[in-house]
Amino acid sequence: MKHMTILVPEGENNLSSIAGAYKIFSRANEYRKNSGHREVFRIQLAGLSRQQDFYGGLFTVTPHTSISEIQKTDLVIIPSLNHNYQKALKGNKPMVDWLGKMYSEGSAIGSICTGAFLLASSGIINGRSCSTHWSAADDFRKLFPEVHLKPDRLITDENGIYTNGGAYSFLNLMIYLVEKYYDRQTAIYCAKVFQIDIDRQTQSPFMIFSGQKAHNDEMVKEAQEYIESKPDEKISMEALSSRFAIGRRNFDRRFIRATGNTPLEYAQRVRIESAKKMLENSRKNISEIMYEVGYSDVKAFREVFRKIAGMSPLEYRNRYNKDAMVMNGA
């Protein structure tokens, strides 16, 4: 039987990702056992202290063991952290060191949401892909520039390291890992029992673009504000770089370094975010919305929208516009 360690870090962390991971893998074990097969994992919660309080002491978790007692494990699950990342990382340094040791000795590791900060601080994903909650992407890039962050990806799978996007999307990672370590039928069973959409690949439909301004390049901030003030215009990036008396190549380089996007990509995200809001809240048809955000070609608009939002404009409207849902249900 394999061994699974679900970590209970120090600090105010996300209880649901600990309890959810434990519940799903326990149910997967139960299903296997009832089907006449051997359970796959012995599951243990492990931390640095004997007890960890959540939500001001409203809930308490008592880990089965300390990480210092675990010399070998096959799969480690890192739960979501709170949003005071610096404090969380500082308070869990022994756990970070333990993660590096376990991975070097053959353990696979799965991180949930902002648990990616704990994973990345170990250094084992430098030069590799990783996902985390889209709202934490800017902070993550600043702290871990050597990691290839993929904030639109729901799940990454690379060299025995699995990461996922934010919040309750960790359920999709758990189902993914059940399929990997058990089988497809067990994964389908767990997905049905817990009512989780199986095979979801992206968190793009849930992303809210607010602009990456956690940097110190004032010229780029001015350029961002200019782009954001004109969501209905197709802005010439050559003209924009000229406004700041800088060559296009240097302008692009500084913009990418500060925001993670090219100026063109940034402008597209601003316009598509504006389109998303109209699709959510208005009865305007898609062509009207397209023109209002500066597009004149339906095909081009749909392609950019799908690339950024993960679905077509019509699918997005049907999912998030209450009037559309009522009409479709009539």
Foldseek 3Di string as FASTA:
>chain_A
DFEEEEEDAADAWDPCQSVVLVVLLVVLQVVQVVVVHHRQYDYWYEYQDQKHAYDVNPDIDGTPYYLVPDPAGAEYEQEGGDPPLVVRLVRGVVVLCSVLVHVVVHHFYEYEANSVSSPVVNVPQQCHEEEHALVCVLVCCVVRVRHHYDPFWQWDDDDRYIYGYHDPSVSQVSLVVSCVRPNPVSSVVSCVVVVNDYPDTTPLQVDQDDFQQPDDDVLLVVLLVVLLVCQLADDDLCVSCVVVPHGSVVQQVVNCVRGVDGSNLSSLSSNLSQLLVCLQEHPDDPCVSCNRRHHDDPVVNQVSNCVRRVHGSVVSSCVRHPVNVVVVVD
